[in-house]
Protein backbone atom coordinates (compact mmCIF):
# COMPACT_ATOMS: atom_id res chain seq x y z
CA MET A 1 0.02 0.22 0.44
CA VAL A 2 1.02 3.68 -0.41
CA LYS A 3 -0.49 5.75 3.00
CA LEU A 4 -0.57 9.56 2.58
CA LYS A 5 0.16 10.54 6.36
CA ASP A 6 0.61 14.43 5.77
CA ILE A 7 0.31 17.25 2.91
CA SER A 8 2.29 20.69 3.77
CA PHE A 9 2.47 23.86 2.17
CA GLU A 10 6.18 25.03 2.33
CA GLU A 11 9.09 27.54 0.89
CA GLY A 12 6.41 30.44 1.53
CA ASN A 13 3.97 28.37 0.73
CA THR A 14 4.65 27.95 -2.69
CA LYS A 15 5.47 24.26 -2.62
CA ILE A 16 3.28 21.39 -1.52
CA SER A 17 5.63 18.36 -0.20
CA TYR A 18 3.63 14.93 0.40
CA ASP A 19 4.64 12.83 3.18
CA TYR A 20 4.04 9.45 2.38
CA GLU A 21 4.73 5.73 3.50
CA VAL A 22 5.33 3.08 0.99
CA SER A 23 5.25 -0.66 1.79
CA LYS A 24 7.85 -3.20 1.15
CA GLY A 25 6.26 -4.95 -1.20
CA ILE A 26 6.21 -2.43 -3.70
CA SER A 27 9.16 -0.20 -2.90
CA GLU A 28 10.99 -0.95 -6.12
CA TYR A 29 8.13 1.32 -8.15
CA PHE A 30 9.23 4.45 -6.14
CA ASN A 31 12.13 6.88 -5.90
CA SER A 32 12.78 6.88 -1.74
CA LYS A 33 14.87 9.85 -2.27
CA ASN A 34 12.87 11.81 -4.69
CA PRO A 35 9.34 11.43 -3.10
CA TYR A 36 6.49 13.38 -5.23
CA TYR A 37 6.05 17.26 -4.91
CA VAL A 38 4.88 20.47 -7.01
CA CYS A 39 5.79 23.63 -6.69
CA TYR A 40 3.82 27.04 -8.03
CA ASP A 41 5.02 30.36 -8.34
CA LYS A 42 2.32 31.91 -6.27
CA SER A 43 1.52 31.16 -2.71
CA ILE A 44 -1.26 28.41 -2.77
CA GLU A 45 -1.78 28.05 1.01
CA ASN A 46 -5.36 28.23 1.20
CA THR A 47 -6.07 25.32 -0.90
CA PRO A 48 -7.98 23.11 0.83
CA HIS A 49 -6.43 19.84 1.28
CA SER A 50 -9.10 18.09 -0.54
CA ILE A 51 -8.18 19.97 -3.70
CA ALA A 52 -4.38 19.93 -2.64
CA VAL A 53 -4.48 15.88 -2.85
CA ILE A 54 -5.14 15.81 -6.27
CA PRO A 55 -1.89 16.31 -7.98
CA PHE A 56 -0.42 13.29 -5.62
CA LEU A 57 -3.65 10.72 -6.55
CA ALA A 58 -3.40 12.02 -10.51
CA ASN A 59 0.14 10.56 -10.52
CA ILE A 60 -0.30 7.46 -7.78
CA MET A 61 -3.67 6.57 -8.90
CA PRO A 62 -2.56 5.27 -12.32
CA ILE A 63 0.43 3.26 -10.96
CA SER A 64 -1.66 1.45 -8.20
CA TRP A 65 -4.12 0.81 -10.80
CA PHE A 66 -1.48 -1.06 -13.13
CA VAL A 67 0.77 -2.84 -9.96
CA GLY A 68 -2.40 -3.83 -7.82
CA PHE A 69 -1.98 -2.26 -4.74
CA ASP A 70 -4.57 0.67 -2.57
CA VAL A 71 -3.79 4.06 -1.69
CA PHE A 72 -4.55 6.08 1.99
CA ILE A 73 -5.36 9.21 2.16
CA ASP A 74 -7.50 11.55 4.61
CA GLU A 75 -9.59 13.65 2.40
CA ILE A 76 -10.55 14.02 -1.26
CA ASP A 77 -13.07 16.04 -3.50
CA GLU A 78 -16.24 14.42 -3.86
CA THR A 79 -16.05 15.42 -8.23
CA PHE A 80 -12.24 14.06 -8.03
CA TYR A 81 -13.39 11.23 -6.58
CA ASN A 82 -16.15 9.99 -8.91
CA SER A 83 -13.27 11.30 -11.65
CA LEU A 84 -10.85 8.37 -10.32
CA LEU A 85 -13.56 5.60 -10.92
CA LYS A 86 -14.10 6.78 -14.38
CA LEU A 87 -10.36 6.94 -15.35
CA LYS A 88 -9.83 3.35 -13.79
CA GLU A 89 -12.86 2.36 -16.08
CA GLN A 90 -11.08 3.81 -19.22
CA PHE A 91 -7.94 2.52 -18.68
CA GLN A 92 -9.21 -1.14 -17.95
CA LYS A 93 -10.57 -0.83 -21.60
CA TYR A 94 -7.83 0.88 -22.94
CA HIS A 95 -5.59 -2.26 -21.89
CA PRO A 96 -7.76 -5.26 -21.73
CA GLU A 97 -4.46 -7.56 -21.05
CA LYS A 98 -3.66 -6.08 -17.80
CA THR A 99 -6.13 -6.23 -14.69
CA ILE A 100 -6.42 -2.87 -13.47
CA SER A 101 -7.11 -3.27 -9.83
CA GLY A 102 -5.81 -1.16 -6.75
CA GLU A 103 -8.31 1.14 -4.62
CA LEU A 104 -8.30 4.34 -2.52
CA HIS A 105 -9.72 4.67 0.95
CA PHE A 106 -10.15 7.61 2.43
CA ASN A 107 -11.84 9.18 5.79
CA LYS A 108 -13.99 12.17 4.30
CA LYS A 109 -15.23 13.14 0.79
CA ILE A 110 -15.46 17.39 0.56
CA LYS A 111 -17.85 18.74 -1.76
CA ASN A 112 -15.92 21.76 -3.55
CA THR A 113 -16.81 25.06 -5.04
CA ILE A 114 -14.04 27.09 -6.74
CA GLN A 115 -15.55 30.96 -7.18
CA GLY A 116 -14.46 32.39 -10.61
CA ASN A 117 -14.94 31.61 -13.94
CA GLU A 118 -11.59 32.19 -15.83
CA THR A 119 -9.83 29.88 -18.23
CA SER A 120 -6.90 28.27 -18.31
CA LEU A 121 -4.38 26.04 -20.92
CA LEU A 122 -1.58 24.11 -20.44
CA PHE A 123 1.01 25.48 -22.67
CA SER A 124 4.04 23.85 -24.02
CA GLY A 125 4.64 26.51 -26.87
CA GLY A 126 4.21 23.86 -29.45
CA LEU A 127 1.87 23.93 -31.95
CA ASP A 128 -0.46 22.11 -30.55
CA SER A 129 -0.87 24.51 -27.71
CA TYR A 130 -0.13 27.52 -29.88
CA ASP A 131 -3.55 26.05 -32.13
CA SER A 132 -5.66 25.69 -29.09
CA LEU A 133 -4.23 29.30 -28.13
CA THR A 134 -5.72 30.84 -31.21
CA ARG A 135 -9.47 29.59 -30.40
CA HIS A 136 -9.23 31.09 -26.84
CA PHE A 137 -6.99 34.01 -27.47
CA HIS A 138 -10.44 36.10 -26.80
CA LYS A 139 -10.81 34.86 -23.21
CA ASN A 140 -6.96 35.73 -21.68
CA PRO A 141 -6.63 32.26 -20.76
CA TYR A 142 -3.75 31.77 -17.97
CA LEU A 143 -1.11 29.51 -19.57
CA PHE A 144 0.55 27.17 -17.63
CA SER A 145 3.79 25.34 -18.38
CA ILE A 146 5.40 22.66 -16.24
CA HIS A 147 9.01 22.16 -15.36
CA GLY A 148 9.73 18.19 -14.57
CA ALA A 149 7.31 17.12 -17.83
CA ASP A 150 9.52 17.67 -21.10
CA VAL A 151 12.44 19.02 -19.80
CA GLU A 152 14.25 17.81 -16.69
CA ILE A 153 14.33 19.50 -13.60
CA ASN A 154 17.69 20.07 -13.20
CA ASP A 155 18.04 20.90 -16.92
CA THR A 156 18.14 24.47 -15.81
CA LYS A 157 19.93 26.02 -18.63
CA ARG A 158 16.84 24.53 -20.98
CA TRP A 159 14.01 25.50 -18.92
CA ASN A 160 15.03 29.04 -18.75
CA ALA A 161 15.88 29.33 -22.33
CA PHE A 162 12.11 28.34 -22.83
CA LYS A 163 11.01 31.28 -20.17
CA SER A 164 13.09 33.49 -21.74
CA PHE A 165 11.00 32.64 -25.16
CA ASN A 166 7.84 32.53 -23.84
CA ASN A 167 8.44 36.36 -22.52
CA SER A 168 10.11 37.84 -25.90
CA GLU A 169 6.73 36.49 -27.68
CA GLU A 170 4.69 39.38 -28.12
CA VAL A 171 1.63 37.04 -28.16
CA LEU A 172 1.79 36.02 -24.74
CA LYS A 173 0.72 37.86 -21.83
CA ALA A 174 3.37 38.08 -19.35
CA SER A 175 1.00 38.56 -16.50
CA ARG A 176 -0.81 35.42 -17.86
CA LEU A 177 2.02 32.84 -17.98
CA HIS A 178 3.00 30.72 -14.92
CA TYR A 179 5.12 28.46 -14.26
CA ILE A 180 4.91 25.06 -12.36
CA GLU A 181 7.69 22.61 -11.04
CA SER A 182 6.98 18.80 -10.49
CA ASN A 183 9.01 15.62 -10.34
CA LEU A 184 6.37 14.22 -11.72
CA ARG A 185 8.77 11.73 -13.75
CA GLU A 186 11.18 11.34 -11.46
CA PHE A 187 9.46 10.19 -7.84
CA TYR A 188 9.13 6.64 -9.79
CA THR A 189 11.74 4.13 -10.83
CA TYR A 190 12.13 2.81 -14.39
CA LYS A 191 10.30 -0.51 -13.18
CA VAL A 192 6.82 1.38 -13.83
CA ASP A 193 7.87 2.01 -17.12
CA LEU A 194 8.27 -1.90 -17.66
CA LEU A 195 4.63 -1.92 -16.54
CA VAL A 196 3.34 -1.43 -20.05
CA ASP A 197 4.60 -2.36 -23.54
CA HIS A 198 7.08 -0.60 -25.28
CA LEU A 199 8.12 1.44 -22.16
CA GLY A 200 5.39 3.93 -22.60
CA TRP A 201 4.16 4.69 -19.30
CA TRP A 202 4.54 8.42 -19.13
CA GLY A 203 3.26 8.53 -22.99
CA ALA A 204 0.68 5.80 -22.53
CA VAL A 205 -0.67 6.34 -19.27
CA GLN A 206 0.53 8.72 -17.25
CA HIS A 207 0.90 12.44 -18.86
CA GLY A 208 -2.70 13.38 -19.52
CA MET A 209 -3.75 12.93 -15.48
CA ALA A 210 -0.34 14.08 -14.41
CA LEU A 211 -0.55 17.72 -16.07
CA ILE A 212 -4.03 18.29 -15.67
CA GLY A 213 -4.09 17.07 -11.87
CA VAL A 214 -0.86 19.40 -10.92
CA LEU A 215 -3.42 22.63 -11.57
CA GLY A 216 -5.75 21.65 -8.60
CA PRO A 217 -4.46 23.77 -6.38
CA VAL A 218 -3.80 27.00 -8.96
CA SER A 219 -7.71 26.39 -10.26
CA PHE A 220 -8.63 27.16 -6.71
CA ILE A 221 -6.43 30.30 -5.87
CA PHE A 222 -6.98 31.70 -9.50
CA GLY A 223 -10.80 30.98 -9.45
CA ILE A 224 -9.93 28.89 -12.71
CA THR A 225 -12.82 26.52 -13.65
CA ASP A 226 -12.51 26.31 -17.48
CA ILE A 227 -9.41 24.32 -18.08
CA ASN A 228 -8.01 23.34 -21.52
CA ILE A 229 -4.92 20.57 -22.62
CA ALA A 230 -4.07 20.54 -26.16
CA ALA A 231 -4.94 17.30 -28.20
CA SER A 232 -2.29 15.81 -29.96
CA ALA A 233 -3.99 13.53 -32.17
CA THR A 234 -7.88 13.21 -33.45
CA HIS A 235 -10.41 11.04 -33.40
CA GLU A 236 -8.82 8.57 -36.20
CA ILE A 237 -6.05 7.58 -33.94
CA LYS A 238 -7.34 4.45 -32.08
CA TYR A 239 -4.24 3.37 -30.37
CA SER A 240 -3.95 3.73 -25.91
CA TRP A 241 -2.83 7.34 -24.97
CA GLY A 242 -2.60 9.02 -21.74
CA SER A 243 -4.15 11.93 -23.09
CA SER A 244 -7.01 11.98 -24.90
CA PRO A 245 -11.18 13.26 -24.52
CA TYR A 246 -11.78 9.74 -22.40
CA ILE A 247 -8.94 10.47 -19.99
CA ASP A 248 -8.53 14.34 -20.02
CA GLU A 249 -12.25 15.23 -19.99
CA ASN A 250 -12.97 12.78 -16.82
CA MET A 251 -10.23 14.61 -14.96
CA LYS A 252 -12.59 17.54 -12.84
CA TRP A 253 -12.88 18.45 -9.86
CA ALA A 254 -14.85 20.80 -7.63
CA ASN A 255 -17.15 22.57 -10.78
CA THR A 256 -14.49 22.51 -13.15
CA LYS A 257 -14.42 21.20 -16.52
CA VAL A 258 -11.86 19.87 -18.49
CA THR A 259 -11.26 20.38 -22.60
CA HIS A 260 -9.33 18.06 -24.71
CA GLU A 261 -9.31 20.59 -27.04
CA GLY A 262 -8.62 20.93 -30.69
CA PHE A 263 -9.33 16.93 -30.77
CA GLN A 264 -11.31 17.34 -34.35
CA PHE A 265 -8.51 18.79 -36.27
CA LYS A 266 -5.28 17.26 -37.98
CA ARG A 267 -1.94 18.49 -37.40
CA THR A 268 -1.89 19.84 -40.76
CA ASP A 269 -5.51 22.24 -40.01
CA LYS A 270 -3.42 23.21 -36.97
CA THR A 271 -0.56 24.67 -39.00
CA ASP A 272 -3.33 26.38 -40.85
CA HIS A 273 -4.93 27.83 -38.00
CA VAL A 274 -1.43 29.35 -36.67
CA VAL A 275 -0.55 30.49 -39.74
CA GLN A 276 -3.85 32.13 -40.43
CA PHE A 277 -3.78 34.00 -36.61
CA VAL A 278 -0.11 35.27 -37.35
CA GLU A 279 -1.41 36.64 -40.61
CA LYS A 280 -4.88 38.30 -39.26
CA ASN A 281 -3.28 39.34 -36.38
CA LYS A 282 0.15 40.27 -37.26
CA LYS A 283 2.11 38.83 -34.59
CA ASN A 284 5.13 36.32 -34.99
CA ILE A 285 5.11 33.09 -33.45
CA THR A 286 7.87 31.31 -32.85
CA LEU A 287 6.96 27.46 -32.59
CA ARG A 288 8.73 25.02 -29.97
CA VAL A 289 8.15 21.67 -31.22
CA CYS A 290 11.15 19.43 -29.61
CA TYR A 291 13.43 19.38 -27.00
CA ALA A 292 16.77 17.64 -28.76
CA ASP A 293 20.21 17.91 -26.84
CA GLU A 294 21.42 19.54 -29.66
CA ARG A 295 18.98 22.32 -30.06
CA GLU A 296 20.89 25.62 -29.83
CA GLY A 297 17.72 27.86 -30.77
CA ALA A 298 13.72 27.17 -30.88
CA ASN A 299 14.19 23.69 -32.53
CA CYS A 300 16.70 21.12 -33.50
CA ASN A 301 15.45 21.27 -36.78
CA THR A 302 16.45 17.86 -37.95
CA CYS A 303 14.66 15.90 -35.90
CA HIS A 304 11.09 13.88 -37.41
CA LYS A 305 8.79 16.34 -35.43
CA CYS A 306 10.33 19.63 -36.94
CA GLN A 307 10.67 17.55 -40.05
CA ARG A 308 6.98 17.19 -40.11
CA THR A 309 6.11 20.78 -38.59
CA ALA A 310 8.48 22.34 -41.38
CA LEU A 311 7.14 20.77 -44.05
CA SER A 312 3.45 21.51 -42.84
CA LEU A 313 4.26 25.08 -42.50
CA ILE A 314 5.76 24.83 -46.10
CA LEU A 315 2.51 23.21 -47.11
CA SER A 316 0.87 26.16 -45.89
CA GLY A 317 2.92 28.31 -47.74
CA ALA A 318 4.82 29.93 -44.98
CA ASN A 319 8.52 30.70 -44.45
CA PRO A 320 9.36 28.14 -41.52
CA LYS A 321 11.83 30.61 -40.67
CA ASP A 322 9.60 32.62 -39.49
CA TYR A 323 8.24 30.31 -37.04
CA GLY A 324 11.43 29.55 -35.33
CA PHE A 325 12.88 26.96 -38.13
CA ASP A 326 16.57 27.12 -39.63
CA LEU A 327 16.13 24.27 -41.85
CA PRO A 328 19.65 22.78 -42.75
CA ASP A 329 20.25 22.46 -46.85
CA ASN A 330 19.50 18.70 -46.75
CA PHE A 331 16.14 19.40 -45.11
CA TYR A 332 14.27 16.74 -48.01
CA ASP A 333 16.93 14.31 -48.05
CA LEU A 334 16.33 14.20 -43.83
CA ILE A 335 12.60 13.49 -44.60
CA PHE A 336 13.12 10.51 -46.73
CA TYR A 337 15.54 8.85 -44.09
CA ASN A 338 12.44 8.35 -42.16
CA PHE A 339 11.34 5.58 -44.44
CA GLY A 340 14.58 4.07 -44.82
CA ASP A 341 15.30 0.17 -43.43
CA ASP A 342 16.98 1.18 -40.37
CA CYS A 343 13.98 3.19 -39.20
CA ILE A 344 10.71 2.11 -37.63
CA MET A 345 7.38 3.45 -38.00
CA THR A 346 4.45 2.94 -35.69
CA GLU A 347 0.84 3.42 -36.46
CA GLY A 348 0.98 6.63 -34.69
CA ILE A 349 4.31 7.91 -36.44
CA LYS A 350 2.35 6.80 -39.88
CA TYR A 351 -0.33 8.95 -39.21
CA GLN A 352 1.78 11.70 -38.51
CA TRP A 353 3.17 11.44 -42.01
CA GLN A 354 0.09 10.34 -43.63
CA CYS A 355 -1.77 13.69 -42.89
CA ILE A 356 1.25 15.44 -44.28
CA GLN A 357 0.73 13.34 -47.66
CA ASP A 358 -2.69 14.15 -47.57
CA LYS A 359 -2.11 17.94 -47.30
CA ALA A 360 0.73 17.80 -49.90
CA LYS A 361 -2.16 16.31 -52.17
CA SER A 362 -4.59 19.28 -52.15
CA VAL A 363 -2.47 21.96 -52.37
CA ASP A 364 -1.16 23.54 -55.77
CA SER A 365 1.74 25.55 -54.36
CA PHE A 366 3.75 25.58 -51.42
CA TYR A 367 6.63 27.90 -49.67
CA VAL A 368 10.03 27.12 -51.64
CA LEU A 369 13.27 27.21 -49.52
CA LYS A 370 15.87 27.82 -52.59
CA ASP A 371 15.27 25.22 -55.65
CA GLU A 372 11.80 25.31 -56.55
CA ASP A 373 11.89 22.32 -59.51
CA ALA A 374 14.08 20.07 -57.10
CA GLU A 375 12.04 20.61 -54.07
CA LYS A 376 8.79 19.97 -56.33
CA LYS A 377 10.28 16.81 -56.95
CA ALA A 378 11.31 15.87 -53.64
CA ILE A 379 7.17 16.57 -52.40
CA GLU A 380 5.78 14.39 -55.62
CA LYS A 381 8.18 11.34 -54.33
CA PHE A 382 7.21 12.11 -50.72
CA ILE A 383 3.27 11.85 -52.14
CA ASN A 384 4.22 8.38 -53.38
CA LEU A 385 5.40 6.49 -50.58
CA ASN A 386 3.36 3.84 -49.53
CA LEU A 387 3.46 3.96 -45.64
CA ASP A 388 1.92 0.87 -45.40
CA GLU A 389 4.36 -1.19 -46.46
CA ILE A 390 6.68 0.76 -43.77
CA VAL A 391 4.76 0.90 -40.82
CA ASN A 392 6.04 -1.52 -38.31
CA LYS A 393 8.89 -2.96 -40.07
CA ASN A 394 11.65 -4.21 -37.92
CA GLN A 395 9.34 -3.41 -34.96
CA GLN A 396 10.19 -6.39 -32.92
CA THR A 397 13.78 -6.21 -33.02
CA VAL A 398 14.02 -2.63 -32.50
CA GLN A 399 11.77 -2.76 -29.96
CA GLU A 400 13.50 -5.67 -27.86
CA ASN A 401 16.76 -3.90 -28.54
CA LYS A 402 15.45 -0.61 -27.16
CA LYS A 403 13.79 -2.40 -23.93
CA ARG A 404 17.39 -4.26 -23.09
CA LYS A 405 19.43 -0.89 -23.44
CA TYR A 406 16.32 1.12 -21.38
CA ILE A 407 16.77 -1.51 -18.61
CA LEU A 408 20.57 -1.78 -18.39
CA ARG A 409 20.64 2.02 -18.38
CA ASN A 410 18.56 2.28 -15.40
CA LYS A 411 20.39 -0.68 -13.63
CA PHE A 412 24.08 0.69 -14.05
CA PRO A 413 23.07 4.69 -14.49
CA ASN A 414 26.80 5.37 -13.24
CA LEU A 415 28.19 3.13 -16.14
CA TYR A 416 25.54 4.65 -18.59
CA LYS A 417 27.16 8.27 -17.94
CA VAL A 418 30.71 6.89 -18.52
CA TYR A 419 29.48 5.75 -21.58
CA GLN A 420 27.40 8.49 -22.92
CA LYS A 421 30.75 10.73 -22.10
CA ILE A 422 33.28 8.17 -23.82
CA LYS A 423 30.75 8.14 -27.22
CA SER A 424 30.63 12.00 -26.84
CA LEU A 425 34.40 12.39 -27.27
């Protein structure tokens, strides 16, 4: 079992620390030296404990369900408790091969009401969140970015760069930008990643509940009842994913409403929306779509995520440079590398490229980087790719190697660091 013994407000009442004990039988799943916490940039001392417990439960309960242990707390918001019941059922539907068990025990159920009607949006600075912002811009939403999600907590250089980018964006209001720090990917061990196939705990299970859950205390303090998280896929995606309407929109407490925003739009649609917004409002936007280690500016410009976003901009008639991309001369060659024998394409990645293929077929013109004839031929070659022949090729071998490396890296972290240093020489 996991027993929450106390919730304390620390560091000027900006940090919530959770004092919990883990029974010996499940200790292998938890990092005892790094217990879960969440830290805000504003005092949250007046948050009721039944709301303050939400970030903790949003991260602990999925592990409880998949491992099968019980969790004990003092009090919980009534709406959130009912949400957890629905979320547990949904994960069982997503993972029929698993036994989803584990129960939550509490002493008191509290009916809370948040005073206010403010709007918020989880904001990463990427295409999905900027697209959502275009539809909520008139509401002047609070924008919350979470340190510990895509950027590791000890990576202050990259996090400070992210904040600097935000501060330089004229479309973003400094008074509505807020930052939250939480070790939501470090309080558990690599054993949790092994609970789902392909080592995808964060993506397949955790991230929707975790990211929304940390907003519980600030929603109470700021009077936020309208919460939005940008969709990263559409209804055409059938595989299990930790953020979907069926997960996110069942995450609610008090009188809040959560919207899985933009679910009806393909990524190419979102690119069009952002380009149209920029053209209409005459405000530049720098998209930050990747967090690659080799990134110098807003993006690394070479990873497959950068490639897809840049190509989408090109097909929308926009110059990628105006949106934070400094593309290399071999940009189109890099695109075709994604479809070679050394790469693996999942159904999800295939869908992303398929959207761009469909877009390419539907447009009569595109933004020319340098050589119109050569780029037109490259786009025609891309259109004619048979993605169905490529998807899941070499999947088993690649996944087995990935799992082996992952286990070795986490069992022998110091040795792995030495290996990384040697590799970089």
